[in-house]
């Protein structure tokens, strides 16, 4: 009998590369797969769409995770069970600082734990941070590609509308206090999966990092009136692909592959 497929992502270890991209949307998964050599659709169950191909001659995979921490950690767990050891989120974020303009590439160097999923993996005192080598590879990729970028702290939240419409919620005063505190502390952006990726990855002993495109603003900044061209999404994808190539080449040079 062959290996049983994973419960939610519906894949087996022979279908998955050890280097994995984790976008939220199925549409972005398809766009990322276009950068692979010989991409093949492997599975699509619920929010989890998976393609596998190669980069630098090494098998790589992209699996969409849906929105938020709980579904993201399911994908991380199941792909890790199939042998994946290096995972990179490619997503979108909202700017929380004038340092990040719409269309900028965002590379988190840490995440505020405004979410609950990570608490099921590591104590709240444990920091949510990416792998340093992956962070450096992503920054080097952004520099080489010439894309505007920011390395900074991201805020991982559990609810989109408590950010978008906090004044409509019964706990508005608490939300307002927390958001203002994070921003005063220097957080430059927010999304819904980064802290979970970093924490689950740390608990599993695997490398994780994230790169995102700033798609909107939490406040009002200098280029708010400028439309967000859909092509800007490719900036984050290009940086992610090049960053992963650098990791693969580094692993080859160090005899890890």
Protein backbone atom coordinates (compact mmCIF):
# COMPACT_ATOMS: atom_id res chain seq x y z
CA UNK A 1 0.00 0.00 0.00
CA UNK A 2 1.14 3.53 -0.73
CA UNK A 3 1.52 6.32 1.79
CA UNK A 4 -1.74 7.73 3.10
CA UNK A 5 -2.47 11.29 1.99
CA UNK A 6 -2.45 14.07 4.55
CA UNK A 7 -5.88 14.79 6.00
CA UNK A 8 -6.43 18.35 4.78
CA UNK A 9 -3.81 19.17 2.16
CA UNK A 10 -4.36 15.80 0.47
CA UNK A 11 -0.72 15.13 -0.44
CA UNK A 12 1.98 12.51 0.13
CA UNK A 13 5.70 12.99 0.78
CA UNK A 14 6.71 11.97 -2.74
CA UNK A 15 4.62 14.86 -4.10
CA UNK A 16 6.19 17.57 -1.94
CA UNK A 17 9.51 19.40 -2.10
CA UNK A 18 11.45 20.19 1.04
CA UNK A 19 11.33 23.90 0.16
CA UNK A 20 7.79 25.30 0.35
CA UNK A 21 6.04 28.58 -0.39
CA UNK A 22 2.90 29.41 1.61
CA UNK A 23 0.64 32.08 0.10
CA UNK A 24 -2.80 32.64 1.51
CA UNK A 25 -4.81 32.68 -1.70
CA UNK A 26 -5.19 29.94 -4.28
CA UNK A 27 -4.76 32.60 -6.98
CA UNK A 28 -1.33 33.55 -5.64
CA UNK A 29 -0.33 29.89 -5.42
CA UNK A 30 -0.88 29.59 -9.16
CA UNK A 31 1.13 32.77 -9.82
CA UNK A 32 4.02 31.48 -7.72
CA UNK A 33 3.97 28.12 -9.51
CA UNK A 34 4.49 29.94 -12.82
CA UNK A 35 8.03 30.73 -11.63
CA UNK A 36 8.85 27.03 -11.13
CA UNK A 37 10.43 24.81 -13.73
CA UNK A 38 7.89 22.19 -14.84
CA UNK A 39 5.15 22.95 -12.29
CA UNK A 40 2.48 20.29 -11.78
CA UNK A 41 -0.79 20.66 -9.90
CA UNK A 42 -0.66 18.09 -7.12
CA UNK A 43 -3.84 18.59 -5.12
CA UNK A 44 -6.68 20.98 -4.34
CA UNK A 45 -8.78 20.33 -1.25
CA UNK A 46 -10.63 23.09 0.59
CA UNK A 47 -8.36 26.16 0.72
CA UNK A 48 -5.22 24.11 0.08
CA UNK A 49 -4.07 24.25 -3.56
CA UNK A 50 -0.68 22.64 -4.16
CA UNK A 51 1.77 22.72 -7.05
CA UNK A 52 5.22 21.15 -7.18
CA UNK A 53 8.05 21.93 -9.61
CA UNK A 54 11.75 22.71 -9.34
CA UNK A 55 14.08 25.65 -8.66
CA UNK A 56 17.84 25.29 -9.11
CA UNK A 57 17.11 21.66 -10.01
CA UNK A 58 15.58 20.97 -6.59
CA UNK A 59 11.91 20.08 -5.94
CA UNK A 60 9.89 22.95 -4.50
CA UNK A 61 6.22 23.23 -3.57
CA UNK A 62 3.63 25.95 -3.15
CA UNK A 63 0.51 25.39 -1.04
CA UNK A 64 -2.14 28.01 -0.35
CA UNK A 65 -3.20 28.23 3.28
CA UNK A 66 -6.37 30.28 3.24
CA UNK A 67 -6.79 33.22 5.62
CA UNK A 68 -5.51 33.23 9.18
CA UNK A 69 -3.49 31.18 11.63
CA UNK A 70 -5.48 27.97 12.19
CA UNK A 71 -5.55 26.93 8.53
CA UNK A 72 -1.95 28.06 8.03
CA UNK A 73 -0.71 25.84 10.87
CA UNK A 74 -2.57 22.86 9.38
CA UNK A 75 -0.67 23.33 6.13
CA UNK A 76 2.65 23.78 7.96
CA UNK A 77 2.14 20.67 10.08
CA UNK A 78 1.08 18.46 7.18
CA UNK A 79 3.81 19.65 4.80
CA UNK A 80 6.39 19.16 7.53
CA UNK A 81 5.10 15.62 8.01
CA UNK A 82 5.90 15.11 4.32
CA UNK A 83 9.51 16.20 4.83
CA UNK A 84 9.44 19.97 4.18
CA UNK A 85 12.04 21.85 6.23
CA UNK A 86 12.12 25.37 4.73
CA UNK A 87 8.88 27.36 4.45
CA UNK A 88 8.30 30.89 3.20
CA UNK A 89 5.09 32.85 3.27
CA UNK A 90 4.46 35.09 0.26
CA UNK A 91 1.49 37.30 1.02
CA UNK A 92 0.06 40.77 1.38
CA UNK A 93 0.08 43.19 4.29
CA UNK A 94 -1.33 46.53 5.37
CA UNK A 95 1.09 49.29 6.25
CA UNK A 96 0.91 50.67 9.79
CA UNK A 97 3.72 53.19 9.31
CA UNK A 98 4.76 55.96 6.90
CA UNK A 99 7.94 53.91 6.47
CA UNK A 100 5.94 51.48 4.29
CA UNK A 101 4.17 52.76 1.19
CA UNK A 102 1.61 50.95 -0.91
CA UNK A 103 3.56 48.68 -3.27
CA UNK A 104 6.59 48.27 -1.00
CA UNK A 105 7.94 44.82 -0.26
CA UNK A 106 7.71 43.96 3.45
CA UNK A 107 10.14 41.51 5.11
CA UNK A 108 9.27 40.87 8.77
CA UNK A 109 12.08 40.48 11.29
CA UNK A 110 9.60 39.68 14.06
CA UNK A 111 5.88 39.50 14.70
CA UNK A 112 3.56 40.85 17.37
CA UNK A 113 1.56 37.92 18.73
CA UNK A 114 -1.93 39.40 18.44
CA UNK A 115 -3.26 35.93 17.69
CA UNK A 116 -4.14 32.76 19.55
CA UNK A 117 -2.86 29.87 17.47
CA UNK A 118 0.77 30.34 18.48
CA UNK A 119 -0.17 29.93 22.14
CA UNK A 120 -0.96 26.29 21.40
CA UNK A 121 2.69 25.79 20.38
CA UNK A 122 4.94 27.98 22.52
CA UNK A 123 4.53 30.13 25.65
CA UNK A 124 3.55 33.74 25.08
CA UNK A 125 7.00 34.92 26.24
CA UNK A 126 8.64 33.12 23.29
CA UNK A 127 9.33 35.56 20.42
CA UNK A 128 7.88 35.05 16.96
CA UNK A 129 10.88 35.58 14.67
CA UNK A 130 11.95 34.23 11.25
CA UNK A 131 15.08 32.29 10.40
CA UNK A 132 17.93 34.80 10.17
CA UNK A 133 19.53 33.24 7.08
CA UNK A 134 16.22 33.35 5.23
CA UNK A 135 15.69 36.95 6.32
CA UNK A 136 19.09 37.91 4.94
CA UNK A 137 18.41 36.04 1.69
CA UNK A 138 15.11 37.90 1.22
CA UNK A 139 16.67 41.30 1.89
CA UNK A 140 19.52 40.56 -0.53
CA UNK A 141 16.96 39.53 -3.14
CA UNK A 142 14.98 42.76 -2.70
CA UNK A 143 18.17 44.81 -3.07
CA UNK A 144 19.30 42.95 -6.19
CA UNK A 145 15.86 43.21 -7.80
CA UNK A 146 15.65 46.92 -7.03
CA UNK A 147 12.28 46.78 -5.28
CA UNK A 148 11.50 49.24 -2.47
CA UNK A 149 11.35 47.30 0.77
CA UNK A 150 11.11 47.51 4.54
CA UNK A 151 12.51 45.15 7.17
CA UNK A 152 10.48 45.59 10.34
CA UNK A 153 8.08 44.21 12.91
CA UNK A 154 4.75 42.89 11.63
CA UNK A 155 1.52 42.58 13.63
CA UNK A 156 -0.20 39.20 13.30
CA UNK A 157 -3.88 39.53 14.14
CA UNK A 158 -6.67 36.93 14.28
CA UNK A 159 -9.50 39.04 12.88
CA UNK A 160 -9.49 41.20 9.75
CA UNK A 161 -12.47 43.34 10.74
CA UNK A 162 -11.22 44.18 14.22
CA UNK A 163 -8.47 46.03 12.38
CA UNK A 164 -10.56 47.37 9.51
CA UNK A 165 -13.56 48.41 11.63
CA UNK A 166 -12.43 48.34 15.29
CA UNK A 167 -14.84 51.11 16.30
CA UNK A 168 -17.79 48.78 15.57
CA UNK A 169 -16.64 46.17 18.11
CA UNK A 170 -17.60 45.98 21.81
CA UNK A 171 -13.90 45.79 22.76
CA UNK A 172 -12.96 48.85 20.71
CA UNK A 173 -11.13 50.65 23.52
CA UNK A 174 -8.91 47.63 24.14
CA UNK A 175 -8.24 47.22 20.42
CA UNK A 176 -7.45 50.93 20.05
CA UNK A 177 -5.00 50.83 22.96
CA UNK A 178 -3.21 47.75 21.62
CA UNK A 179 -2.95 49.01 18.03
CA UNK A 180 -1.63 52.37 19.17
CA UNK A 181 0.90 50.63 21.42
CA UNK A 182 2.19 48.41 18.61
CA UNK A 183 2.52 51.36 16.26
CA UNK A 184 4.30 53.47 18.89
CA UNK A 185 6.67 50.54 19.33
CA UNK A 186 7.58 50.75 15.64
CA UNK A 187 5.53 47.99 13.98
CA UNK A 188 5.41 48.78 10.27
CA UNK A 189 2.75 46.43 8.92
CA UNK A 190 0.09 43.85 9.71
CA UNK A 191 -1.25 40.59 8.29
CA UNK A 192 -2.72 37.37 9.69
CA UNK A 193 -0.23 34.51 9.44
CA UNK A 194 3.39 35.49 10.12
CA UNK A 195 3.59 34.91 13.88
CA UNK A 196 1.91 31.54 13.44
CA UNK A 197 4.39 30.51 10.75
CA UNK A 198 7.37 31.57 12.86
CA UNK A 199 6.11 29.90 16.04
CA UNK A 200 4.94 26.63 14.52
CA UNK A 201 8.19 26.49 12.55
CA UNK A 202 10.22 27.03 15.73
CA UNK A 203 8.32 24.28 17.52
CA UNK A 204 9.00 21.89 14.63
CA UNK A 205 12.64 22.92 14.25
CA UNK A 206 12.30 24.13 10.66
CA UNK A 207 13.31 27.34 8.87
CA UNK A 208 10.62 29.93 8.19
CA UNK A 209 10.39 33.47 6.85
CA UNK A 210 7.93 35.79 5.16
CA UNK A 211 7.82 38.36 2.37
CA UNK A 212 4.75 40.43 1.59
CA UNK A 213 3.52 43.27 -0.57
CA UNK A 214 2.02 46.32 1.12
CA UNK A 215 -1.44 46.39 -0.44
CA UNK A 216 -3.17 49.00 1.70
CA UNK A 217 -2.64 51.37 4.62
CA UNK A 218 -3.91 51.22 8.19
CA UNK A 219 -3.70 55.02 8.40
CA UNK A 220 -3.31 57.87 5.93
CA UNK A 221 0.09 58.28 4.30
CA UNK A 222 1.71 60.04 1.39
CA UNK A 223 0.64 57.80 -1.49
CA UNK A 224 -2.83 56.73 -0.31
CA UNK A 225 -4.40 58.23 -3.42
CA UNK A 226 -2.32 56.01 -5.67
CA UNK A 227 -4.08 52.92 -6.94
CA UNK A 228 -2.61 49.54 -6.05
CA UNK A 229 -1.65 47.93 -9.38
CA UNK A 230 -2.17 44.18 -9.34
CA UNK A 231 1.26 43.76 -10.93
CA UNK A 232 2.89 44.93 -7.71
CA UNK A 233 2.02 41.54 -6.22
CA UNK A 234 4.77 40.16 -8.45
CA UNK A 235 7.33 42.16 -6.47
CA UNK A 236 6.82 39.99 -3.39
CA UNK A 237 6.71 36.84 -5.51
CA UNK A 238 9.95 37.74 -7.30
CA UNK A 239 11.71 38.50 -4.01
CA UNK A 240 10.42 35.24 -2.51
CA UNK A 241 11.51 33.15 -5.49
CA UNK A 242 14.97 34.71 -5.56
CA UNK A 243 15.28 34.40 -1.79
CA UNK A 244 14.47 30.70 -1.96
CA UNK A 245 16.93 30.22 -4.81
CA UNK A 246 19.60 31.72 -2.58
CA UNK A 247 18.72 29.33 0.24
CA UNK A 248 18.87 26.34 -2.10
CA UNK A 249 22.23 27.41 -3.51
CA UNK A 250 23.55 27.96 0.02
CA UNK A 251 22.35 24.51 1.11
CA UNK A 252 24.01 22.95 -1.93
CA UNK A 253 27.29 24.71 -1.18
CA UNK A 254 27.18 23.49 2.42
CA UNK A 255 26.36 19.92 1.43
CA UNK A 256 22.82 19.91 2.86
CA UNK A 257 21.31 18.74 -0.42
